Protein backbone atom coordinates (compact mmCIF):
# COMPACT_ATOMS: atom_id res chain seq x y z
CA MET A 1 72.42 224.91 86.43
CA PHE A 2 71.29 226.09 83.04
CA LYS A 3 67.45 226.67 83.61
CA LYS A 4 68.74 229.19 86.46
CA LEU A 5 70.57 231.33 83.70
CA LEU A 6 69.03 234.04 83.65
CA SER A 7 68.85 234.92 87.29
CA VAL A 8 73.25 234.56 86.73
CA LEU A 9 72.72 236.63 83.99
CA LEU A 10 71.48 238.95 86.50
CA LEU A 11 74.38 238.61 88.48
CA VAL A 12 77.16 238.70 86.55
CA ALA A 13 75.69 242.24 85.54
CA LEU A 14 76.10 242.83 89.36
CA VAL A 15 79.60 241.37 90.23
CA GLY A 16 81.08 241.71 87.03
CA GLY A 17 83.53 244.04 85.25
CA GLY A 18 82.15 247.12 86.50
CA PHE A 19 81.98 245.81 90.12
CA SER A 20 84.83 243.90 90.66
CA ALA A 21 87.98 245.91 88.71
CA GLY A 22 85.93 249.36 89.60
CA LEU A 23 85.00 248.84 93.34
CA ALA A 24 83.73 252.66 95.14
CA SER A 25 85.53 253.38 97.97
CA SER A 26 84.33 252.89 101.28
CA GLU A 27 84.65 256.23 102.40
CA ALA A 28 82.55 257.28 99.24
CA GLN A 29 80.14 254.78 100.50
CA SER A 30 80.01 256.05 104.01
CA GLY A 31 76.39 256.35 106.09
CA GLU A 32 75.10 253.32 104.14
CA GLU A 33 73.56 250.51 107.12
CA ILE A 34 74.50 247.44 106.31
CA THR A 35 72.21 244.32 108.32
CA VAL A 36 74.32 240.94 108.64
CA LEU A 37 72.23 238.09 109.95
CA ALA A 38 74.57 235.42 111.33
CA PRO A 39 74.41 231.85 113.39
CA GLU A 40 74.97 232.15 117.26
CA SER A 41 77.78 229.93 117.47
CA TYR A 42 80.09 231.30 115.06
CA ARG A 43 79.47 234.86 117.07
CA ASP A 44 82.99 235.03 117.76
CA LEU A 45 84.17 235.06 113.99
CA ILE A 46 82.01 237.45 112.73
CA GLU A 47 82.95 239.80 115.26
CA ALA A 48 86.63 239.64 114.41
CA LEU A 49 86.06 239.58 111.21
CA VAL A 50 83.81 242.79 111.41
CA ASN A 51 86.60 244.42 113.91
CA SER A 52 89.20 243.66 111.18
CA TYR A 53 86.75 245.25 108.09
CA ASN A 54 89.05 248.39 107.37
CA SER A 55 86.95 250.57 106.14
CA ASP A 56 85.60 253.96 106.76
CA ALA A 57 81.95 252.91 106.90
CA ALA A 58 82.56 249.33 108.54
CA PRO A 59 80.17 251.24 112.10
CA THR A 60 77.33 251.26 109.45
CA LEU A 61 77.81 246.95 109.83
CA THR A 62 74.52 246.13 112.24
CA LEU A 63 75.16 242.15 113.31
CA ILE A 64 71.92 239.91 113.94
CA PHE A 65 72.75 236.31 115.58
CA ALA A 66 70.08 233.95 115.89
CA GLU A 67 69.96 229.40 116.37
CA SER A 68 70.95 228.26 112.83
CA ALA A 69 67.34 226.88 112.85
CA ALA A 70 65.97 230.18 113.33
CA MET A 71 67.89 232.03 111.03
CA MET A 72 65.47 232.14 108.00
CA ASP A 73 62.66 233.55 109.95
CA GLN A 74 64.85 236.71 110.01
CA ILE A 75 66.48 237.02 106.49
CA ALA A 76 63.58 239.56 105.31
CA ASP A 77 65.80 242.17 107.74
CA ALA A 78 68.99 240.95 106.46
CA ASP A 79 71.51 242.37 103.83
CA ILE A 80 74.31 239.62 104.23
CA VAL A 81 73.40 236.13 105.37
CA ILE A 82 76.04 234.10 106.84
CA TYR A 83 74.92 230.51 106.88
CA GLU A 84 75.69 227.00 106.74
CA ASP A 85 73.81 225.00 104.27
CA PHE A 86 75.53 228.32 101.58
CA ARG A 87 75.63 225.54 98.66
CA GLN A 88 72.06 226.08 98.35
CA ASP A 89 69.73 229.20 97.90
CA PRO A 90 68.38 230.22 101.12
CA PRO A 91 64.50 230.44 101.39
CA ILE A 92 63.88 234.08 99.92
CA ASP A 93 61.61 234.64 97.36
CA PHE A 94 61.93 238.31 95.81
CA GLU A 95 59.59 240.16 93.98
CA CYS A 96 61.97 240.88 91.68
CA GLY A 97 66.15 241.01 92.40
CA VAL A 98 68.71 238.17 92.66
CA ILE A 99 70.90 236.31 95.70
CA SER A 100 74.84 236.83 94.98
CA ARG A 101 77.01 233.56 94.61
CA ALA A 102 77.98 232.26 97.46
CA TYR A 103 81.11 233.12 99.22
CA ALA A 104 83.16 230.71 101.04
CA VAL A 105 84.61 231.56 104.81
CA LEU A 106 84.52 228.29 106.09
CA PRO A 107 84.47 224.70 104.35
CA GLU A 108 81.25 224.57 106.18
CA LEU A 109 80.02 228.61 106.59
CA GLY A 110 79.69 230.70 103.52
CA ALA A 111 78.03 234.06 103.24
CA ARG A 112 75.94 235.83 100.54
CA TYR A 113 74.22 238.84 100.00
CA LEU A 114 70.56 239.80 99.01
CA ALA A 115 69.27 242.79 96.35
CA SER A 116 65.88 243.49 96.04
CA GLU A 117 66.02 247.39 95.71
CA ASP A 118 65.00 247.60 91.95
CA CYS A 119 63.30 246.16 89.30
CA GLY A 120 64.16 245.74 86.15
CA ASP A 121 66.64 244.08 83.92
CA TYR A 122 69.90 245.19 85.70
CA VAL A 123 69.30 244.30 89.68
CA ALA A 124 72.20 246.44 91.76
CA PRO A 125 72.67 245.75 95.38
CA LYS A 126 71.38 248.84 97.81
CA THR A 127 75.02 249.64 98.60
CA LEU A 128 78.12 248.24 96.98
CA LEU A 129 79.49 248.00 100.42
CA LEU A 130 77.99 244.17 100.09
CA VAL A 131 80.10 243.32 97.82
CA GLU A 132 83.36 244.82 99.31
CA PHE A 133 82.67 242.96 102.88
CA LEU A 134 82.07 239.59 101.22
CA ASP A 135 85.62 240.13 99.52
CA PHE A 136 86.89 240.82 102.86
CA ILE A 137 85.69 238.07 104.52
CA VAL A 138 87.05 235.86 101.64
CA SER A 139 90.59 237.35 101.33
CA PRO A 140 93.51 236.56 102.50
CA ASP A 141 92.98 239.37 105.84
CA GLY A 142 89.79 237.40 106.46
CA GLN A 143 91.06 233.92 106.34
CA GLN A 144 93.86 235.01 109.16
CA VAL A 145 91.19 235.98 111.66
CA ALA A 146 89.47 232.26 110.81
CA ILE A 147 93.50 231.37 111.75
CA ASP A 148 93.92 233.27 114.46
CA LEU A 149 90.87 231.97 116.31
CA GLY A 150 91.33 228.65 114.86
CA TYR A 151 88.64 227.93 112.49
CA LEU A 152 91.23 227.61 109.65
CA PRO A 153 94.56 225.45 109.89
CA ASP A 154 98.30 227.65 109.74
CA SER A 155 99.37 225.55 107.35
CA VAL A 156 98.14 222.63 104.31
CA GLU A 157 99.73 219.88 102.97
CA ILE A 158 98.88 218.07 99.81
CA GLU A 159 100.67 216.37 97.06
CA ASP A 160 100.55 217.89 93.67
CA GLN A 161 100.63 216.58 90.13
CA ALA A 162 104.00 215.78 89.87
CA GLY A 163 103.32 213.47 93.25
CA VAL A 164 105.89 215.69 95.77
CA THR A 165 103.87 217.07 99.02
CA VAL A 166 104.08 220.17 99.78
CA VAL A 167 103.44 222.04 102.82
CA VAL A 168 101.68 225.89 102.60
CA PRO A 169 101.54 228.39 105.00
CA GLN A 170 98.41 229.92 105.26
CA PRO A 171 96.73 232.18 104.15
CA VAL A 172 98.40 232.83 100.95
CA ARG A 173 98.99 236.65 100.16
CA LYS A 174 101.68 236.56 97.40
CA ILE A 175 101.80 234.19 93.73
CA VAL A 176 104.34 233.45 91.63
CA ALA A 177 102.60 231.54 88.32
CA ALA A 178 105.08 230.81 86.41
CA TYR A 179 102.87 228.19 84.40
CA GLY A 180 100.83 229.85 82.18
CA VAL A 181 97.74 227.91 82.51
CA SER A 182 97.39 228.01 86.43
CA THR A 183 97.48 232.18 86.19
CA TYR A 184 94.10 231.47 84.81
CA LEU A 185 93.73 228.77 87.26
CA VAL A 186 93.81 231.53 90.08
CA TYR A 187 91.39 234.24 88.42
CA ALA A 188 89.07 231.45 88.44
CA LEU A 189 89.38 230.25 92.05
CA GLY A 190 89.26 234.19 92.70
CA ALA A 191 92.34 235.17 94.03
CA GLY A 192 93.69 237.12 91.11
CA ASP A 193 94.72 239.49 93.70
CA GLU A 194 97.26 237.60 95.11
CA LEU A 195 99.36 237.11 92.00
CA SER A 196 102.83 238.94 92.07
CA ALA A 197 103.62 237.81 89.05
CA ALA A 198 102.03 235.43 86.13
CA SER A 199 102.93 234.43 82.61
CA TYR A 200 100.16 235.08 80.58
CA LEU A 201 99.14 232.50 77.70
CA GLY A 202 97.71 234.12 74.43
CA VAL A 203 98.19 237.74 75.64
CA ARG A 204 100.18 238.98 72.45
CA SER A 205 97.58 241.65 70.84
CA GLU A 206 96.42 244.87 72.06
CA ILE A 207 92.81 243.69 71.63
CA THR A 208 93.58 240.32 74.47
CA GLU A 209 95.52 242.92 76.62
CA GLN A 210 92.99 245.24 76.67
CA ARG A 211 90.49 242.35 78.26
CA MET A 212 92.96 241.39 80.43
CA ALA A 213 93.40 244.62 81.78
CA ALA A 214 89.62 245.38 82.31
CA ILE A 215 89.47 241.82 84.34
CA ASP A 216 92.55 242.71 86.35
CA ALA A 217 93.67 246.73 86.56
CA ASN A 218 96.80 245.04 87.93
CA TYR A 219 97.33 242.63 85.22
CA LEU A 220 100.08 244.64 83.52
CA GLU A 221 102.21 245.02 86.46
CA ALA A 222 101.90 241.14 87.20
CA ALA A 223 103.38 240.16 83.51
CA GLU A 224 105.58 242.57 83.75
CA ALA A 225 107.20 241.83 87.39
CA VAL A 226 109.79 239.45 86.62
CA SER A 227 111.62 240.29 83.54
CA GLU A 228 111.49 236.46 81.96
CA ILE A 229 109.24 233.81 83.80
CA GLY A 230 108.08 230.48 81.54
CA GLN A 231 108.55 226.73 81.95
CA ARG A 232 112.07 226.77 80.43
CA ALA A 233 113.59 229.91 82.27
CA VAL A 234 113.14 232.57 85.02
CA ASN A 235 114.75 235.63 86.27
CA MET A 236 115.59 233.67 89.56
CA GLU A 237 116.92 236.87 91.34
CA GLU A 238 113.61 239.17 90.61
CA MET A 239 111.48 236.66 91.27
CA ALA A 240 112.94 235.94 95.20
CA ALA A 241 112.83 239.53 95.15
CA LEU A 242 109.06 239.65 95.34
CA ASP A 243 109.25 237.08 98.23
CA PRO A 244 106.17 235.22 97.23
CA ASP A 245 104.23 232.84 99.42
CA LEU A 246 103.60 230.00 96.58
CA ILE A 247 105.37 229.07 93.19
CA LEU A 248 102.81 227.90 90.68
CA ALA A 249 105.09 225.38 88.12
CA SER A 250 104.32 222.64 85.72
CA SER A 251 105.97 219.45 85.93
CA ARG A 252 107.98 219.84 82.85
CA THR A 253 109.86 223.37 84.53
CA GLN A 254 113.50 223.26 84.08
CA TRP A 255 114.20 225.02 86.76
CA LEU A 256 112.78 223.67 89.43
CA ASP A 257 115.98 222.42 91.36
CA THR A 258 117.08 225.37 91.41
CA ALA A 259 113.96 227.42 93.24
CA ALA A 260 113.59 225.03 95.61
CA GLU A 261 116.81 226.26 96.96
CA LEU A 262 114.54 229.51 97.17
CA ASP A 263 112.18 227.45 100.49
CA ILE A 264 109.50 228.60 98.99
CA PRO A 265 106.57 225.78 98.67
CA ILE A 266 106.17 224.89 94.52
CA VAL A 267 103.13 223.22 93.14
CA ARG A 268 103.62 221.81 89.79
CA PHE A 269 100.80 220.82 87.41
CA GLU A 270 100.39 218.23 85.22
CA GLY A 271 97.44 219.09 82.54
CA GLU A 272 96.51 217.21 79.96
CA SER A 273 93.36 215.69 80.33
CA PRO A 274 89.91 216.95 82.02
CA GLU A 275 90.55 214.67 85.28
CA LEU A 276 93.48 216.65 85.54
CA LEU A 277 92.32 219.62 85.02
CA GLN A 278 89.64 219.04 87.40
CA ASP A 279 92.18 217.58 90.21
CA ALA A 280 94.51 220.66 89.18
CA MET A 281 91.50 223.17 90.44
CA LEU A 282 90.86 221.34 93.40
CA MET A 283 94.50 220.93 94.92
CA LEU A 284 94.74 225.20 94.23
CA GLY A 285 91.00 225.23 95.71
CA THR A 286 92.87 223.64 98.79
CA VAL A 287 95.77 225.55 99.07
CA LEU A 288 94.15 229.15 98.22
CA GLY A 289 91.18 228.99 100.69
CA PRO A 290 87.43 227.69 101.63
CA ASN A 291 86.36 230.51 98.83
CA ALA A 292 88.68 228.79 96.38
CA ALA A 293 88.26 225.27 97.20
CA TYR A 294 83.86 226.04 96.99
CA ARG A 295 84.60 227.83 93.64
CA ALA A 296 86.69 224.87 92.53
CA GLU A 297 83.52 222.64 92.82
CA GLU A 298 81.83 225.14 90.72
CA PHE A 299 84.17 225.25 88.63
CA ASN A 300 83.92 221.13 88.49
CA ALA A 301 80.25 220.94 88.70
CA TYR A 302 79.79 223.50 85.91
CA TYR A 303 82.36 221.49 83.59
CA ASN A 304 81.28 217.61 84.29
CA ASP A 305 77.24 219.27 83.46
CA THR A 306 78.03 220.63 80.25
CA LEU A 307 80.12 217.89 78.96
CA ASP A 308 77.56 215.56 79.93
CA ILE A 309 74.78 217.85 77.76
CA ILE A 310 77.01 217.31 74.86
CA VAL A 311 77.36 213.73 75.36
CA SER A 312 73.79 213.42 75.82
CA GLU A 313 72.80 214.98 72.67
CA THR A 314 75.77 213.40 70.73
CA SER A 315 76.08 209.90 71.98
CA ASP A 316 73.47 208.39 68.97
CA VAL A 317 75.60 209.53 65.97
CA LEU A 318 77.53 206.50 64.84
CA ASP A 319 80.34 208.13 62.58
CA PRO A 320 81.42 210.61 64.55
CA PRO A 321 83.33 213.51 62.42
CA LYS A 322 86.63 213.08 62.01
CA VAL A 323 88.69 215.82 63.40
CA TYR A 324 92.65 217.58 62.40
CA PHE A 325 93.86 219.67 65.28
CA SER A 326 96.63 222.00 63.88
CA GLY A 327 99.23 223.23 65.82
CA THR A 328 101.61 226.55 64.70
CA ALA A 329 101.96 225.10 61.13
CA PRO A 330 100.11 222.96 59.04
CA LEU A 331 102.11 219.53 59.58
CA ILE A 332 102.30 219.99 63.29
CA VAL A 333 100.02 217.78 64.86
CA ALA A 334 98.47 217.57 68.43
CA SER A 335 99.00 213.96 69.59
CA GLY A 336 96.53 211.36 71.24
CA GLU A 337 97.94 212.20 74.58
CA MET A 338 97.20 215.97 74.41
CA TYR A 339 94.07 217.98 75.95
CA GLN A 340 93.21 219.03 72.49
CA THR A 341 92.58 215.74 71.62
CA ALA A 342 90.37 214.47 74.75
CA MET A 343 88.17 218.32 73.54
CA ILE A 344 87.56 216.64 70.16
CA GLU A 345 86.23 213.25 71.99
CA ALA A 346 84.44 215.26 74.76
CA ALA A 347 82.47 217.98 71.66
CA GLY A 348 81.18 213.97 69.94
CA GLY A 349 84.41 213.94 67.63
CA THR A 350 87.11 211.79 66.62
CA SER A 351 91.19 212.71 66.46
CA VAL A 352 92.96 211.71 62.99
CA SER A 353 95.93 211.54 65.40
CA ASP A 354 94.74 209.76 68.54
CA GLU A 355 97.29 207.16 68.02
CA LEU A 356 100.26 209.76 68.36
CA VAL A 357 102.42 209.54 71.21
CA GLY A 358 104.16 213.02 73.36
CA PHE A 359 102.62 216.74 72.37
CA TRP A 360 103.28 218.16 69.45
CA ASN A 361 103.81 215.97 66.38
CA ASP A 362 105.48 216.79 62.63
CA VAL A 363 103.61 214.81 60.00
CA ASN A 364 103.74 214.80 55.71
CA LEU A 365 100.95 215.93 53.70
CA GLU A 366 100.44 212.33 52.83
CA GLN A 367 99.85 210.84 56.53
CA VAL A 368 97.30 214.11 56.26
CA LEU A 369 95.53 212.52 53.42
CA VAL A 370 94.83 209.04 54.20
CA TRP A 371 93.29 210.66 57.09
CA ASP A 372 91.33 212.74 55.33
CA PRO A 373 89.53 214.37 58.30
CA ASP A 374 86.07 216.38 57.97
CA VAL A 375 87.24 219.26 59.57
CA ILE A 376 90.01 221.09 60.73
CA PHE A 377 91.08 222.94 64.03
CA VAL A 378 93.93 225.70 64.58
CA PRO A 379 94.43 227.67 67.36
CA THR A 380 94.95 231.19 67.66
CA TYR A 381 98.66 230.91 68.87
CA GLY A 382 102.29 230.63 67.48
CA GLY A 383 101.33 232.46 63.96
CA ALA A 384 99.20 229.69 63.15
CA ASN A 385 96.15 230.53 60.57
CA VAL A 386 93.08 229.19 58.53
CA GLU A 387 94.93 230.38 55.28
CA ALA A 388 97.94 228.65 55.28
CA PHE A 389 94.88 225.88 55.04
CA THR A 390 92.38 226.83 52.59
CA GLU A 391 94.89 229.34 49.76
CA SER A 392 97.35 226.20 49.97
CA GLU A 393 96.67 223.81 46.55
CA GLU A 394 97.93 221.24 48.04
CA TRP A 395 95.73 221.00 50.96
CA SER A 396 92.51 220.96 49.01
CA LEU A 397 92.33 217.64 48.53
CA VAL A 398 91.55 217.28 51.86
CA ASN A 399 87.89 216.59 52.63
CA ALA A 400 87.60 219.52 54.88
CA VAL A 401 89.86 221.99 52.97
CA ASP A 402 87.69 221.51 50.13
CA ARG A 403 84.17 221.54 51.36
CA GLY A 404 85.52 224.99 53.83
CA ASN A 405 85.46 223.43 57.13
CA VAL A 406 89.00 225.07 58.67
CA TYR A 407 88.15 226.76 61.89
CA GLN A 408 90.05 229.14 63.98
CA LEU A 409 89.14 228.52 67.88
CA PRO A 410 88.17 231.79 70.01
CA GLN A 411 89.71 233.41 72.28
CA PHE A 412 88.89 235.91 75.05
CA VAL A 413 91.97 235.88 77.14
CA ALA A 414 93.21 232.94 77.46
CA PRO A 415 93.18 230.38 74.12
CA TRP A 416 90.28 228.11 74.23
CA ASP A 417 92.10 225.20 73.56
CA THR A 418 94.61 224.95 76.18
CA PRO A 419 94.12 222.96 79.64
CA GLY A 420 92.74 225.74 81.77
CA PRO A 421 89.39 226.81 82.44
CA ASP A 422 88.61 228.75 78.97
CA SER A 423 88.80 225.03 78.13
CA ILE A 424 85.08 224.22 78.81
CA LEU A 425 83.76 226.73 76.11
CA GLY A 426 86.38 225.28 73.43
CA ILE A 427 84.08 222.30 74.26
CA ILE A 428 81.13 224.05 73.60
CA TRP A 429 82.39 225.81 70.35
CA MET A 430 84.02 222.13 69.28
CA ALA A 431 81.00 220.88 69.58
CA GLY A 432 78.75 223.73 67.72
CA ILE A 433 80.77 223.12 64.92
CA LEU A 434 80.89 220.06 64.58
CA TYR A 435 76.75 219.50 65.77
CA PRO A 436 75.42 223.29 64.28
CA ASP A 437 71.60 221.34 64.04
CA GLN A 438 72.14 218.90 67.82
CA LEU A 439 73.30 221.31 70.52
CA GLY A 440 71.89 223.51 72.06
CA LEU A 441 73.79 224.75 74.19
CA SER A 442 74.52 228.07 73.09
CA CYS A 443 78.20 229.53 73.10
CA ALA A 444 77.96 232.90 73.33
CA GLU A 445 75.34 232.48 76.60
CA GLN A 446 78.10 230.04 78.20
CA ALA A 447 80.52 232.79 77.49
CA VAL A 448 78.60 235.39 79.38
CA TYR A 449 77.98 232.56 82.07
CA PHE A 450 81.51 231.92 82.66
CA TYR A 451 83.10 234.62 82.61
CA GLY A 452 80.77 236.15 84.86
CA MET A 453 81.02 233.16 86.98
CA PHE A 454 84.89 232.52 86.82
CA TYR A 455 86.09 235.98 85.96
CA ASP A 456 84.04 238.06 88.23
CA TYR A 457 83.97 240.13 84.40
CA SER A 458 80.94 241.20 82.90
CA LEU A 459 81.26 240.30 79.50
CA ASP A 460 78.88 241.85 77.21
CA MET A 461 76.54 239.47 74.55
CA GLU A 462 77.38 241.00 71.43
CA VAL A 463 80.81 240.44 72.00
CA ALA A 464 80.24 236.81 73.34
CA GLN A 465 78.46 236.55 69.87
CA GLU A 466 80.75 237.71 67.76
CA LEU A 467 83.37 235.62 69.26
CA CYS A 468 81.28 232.57 68.82
CA GLY A 469 81.12 232.99 65.47
């Protein structure tokens, strides 16, 4: 995966912020010609998708059908290839150019666009309609075409992370994400356009709001659609008025019994371990359609590959650094049952508070002195800051403070220590702090890769370097 970083970075520039949020209209691109190569066995589906494509330029789509075994013989004539082995790059060599990420139309059928028009650092497709058309065929409108033809079910049944069986009619067009972590799962799965209302973690400053708006032009509308939305309370009337197809909530949400009366599917999440995060991605991917399910697979593979690399580079350490993960105040610490502790362990450290239970725990300075951590990590929320440690005479007795090893985690949009997709960057960053001379992964390079792949946003390398420190 990491060997392909350069080509992926080119792809990130191609499908990132400049294209995802600001696609030129189809009308402006009319007259362009796009050739689509597809398997004969799916002719009815592909023709129906083309006919349903609501674009002034739709007549410019030219279809070529071939038997699956013979498709690759004609790939040189195609701008888009729709094929069954889409998890593998199609066997085509460019003098220069890129093959886009896969778009899963069905669990067994995906599409990619091919771009070889230009050479240089920036490789562009010959027309933005390539991106626009593929976005359409995996959208709820595209899913509806596949449902009508019997290729996809009209409902899916899952067991959520609270053990509740939930039936969700398909496709899902309107989502209320009342659990902040779930909002970012939706973005990572490519379904941000379906957010009617959402709770956002950590979007409290002008800079994070600007970043979120760059990722999703409709961010502010979703953030303000329901006046009160979170685990403790929600404006039920405003939420119901949105007529959502799906509500996403924490299993600890206090208003679930009342919301159940709305007869809207509710999917509940638990999120305090890497395993639960990956399970949540797969579960939500199943609910949101084949493309979301495929992106969940992509994310989980990236997450696990990253952890494997960190383990391989830190596993021979006999005395791992002792880490104190602070909460919103210096004497509030993450318990051993929290995701932050799992992150520390994944990064090659050991949490001094791993024997504590529950969630955030209050401790006293005497206990901290007994633990005497080597490193202190501070989150970005709740007013937490490094100076609360470094400017305190009492805390100067702690090894981490005395040696200047107090660090605040980065945050681009979501905090990097919450149990959402961005946390994999938090683990990479932590590992770099704990093992600055051993870790081969670059936090900045991985941040550019991550936001391109999972937020469809082109993060500038200089911004990434500043973010990672």
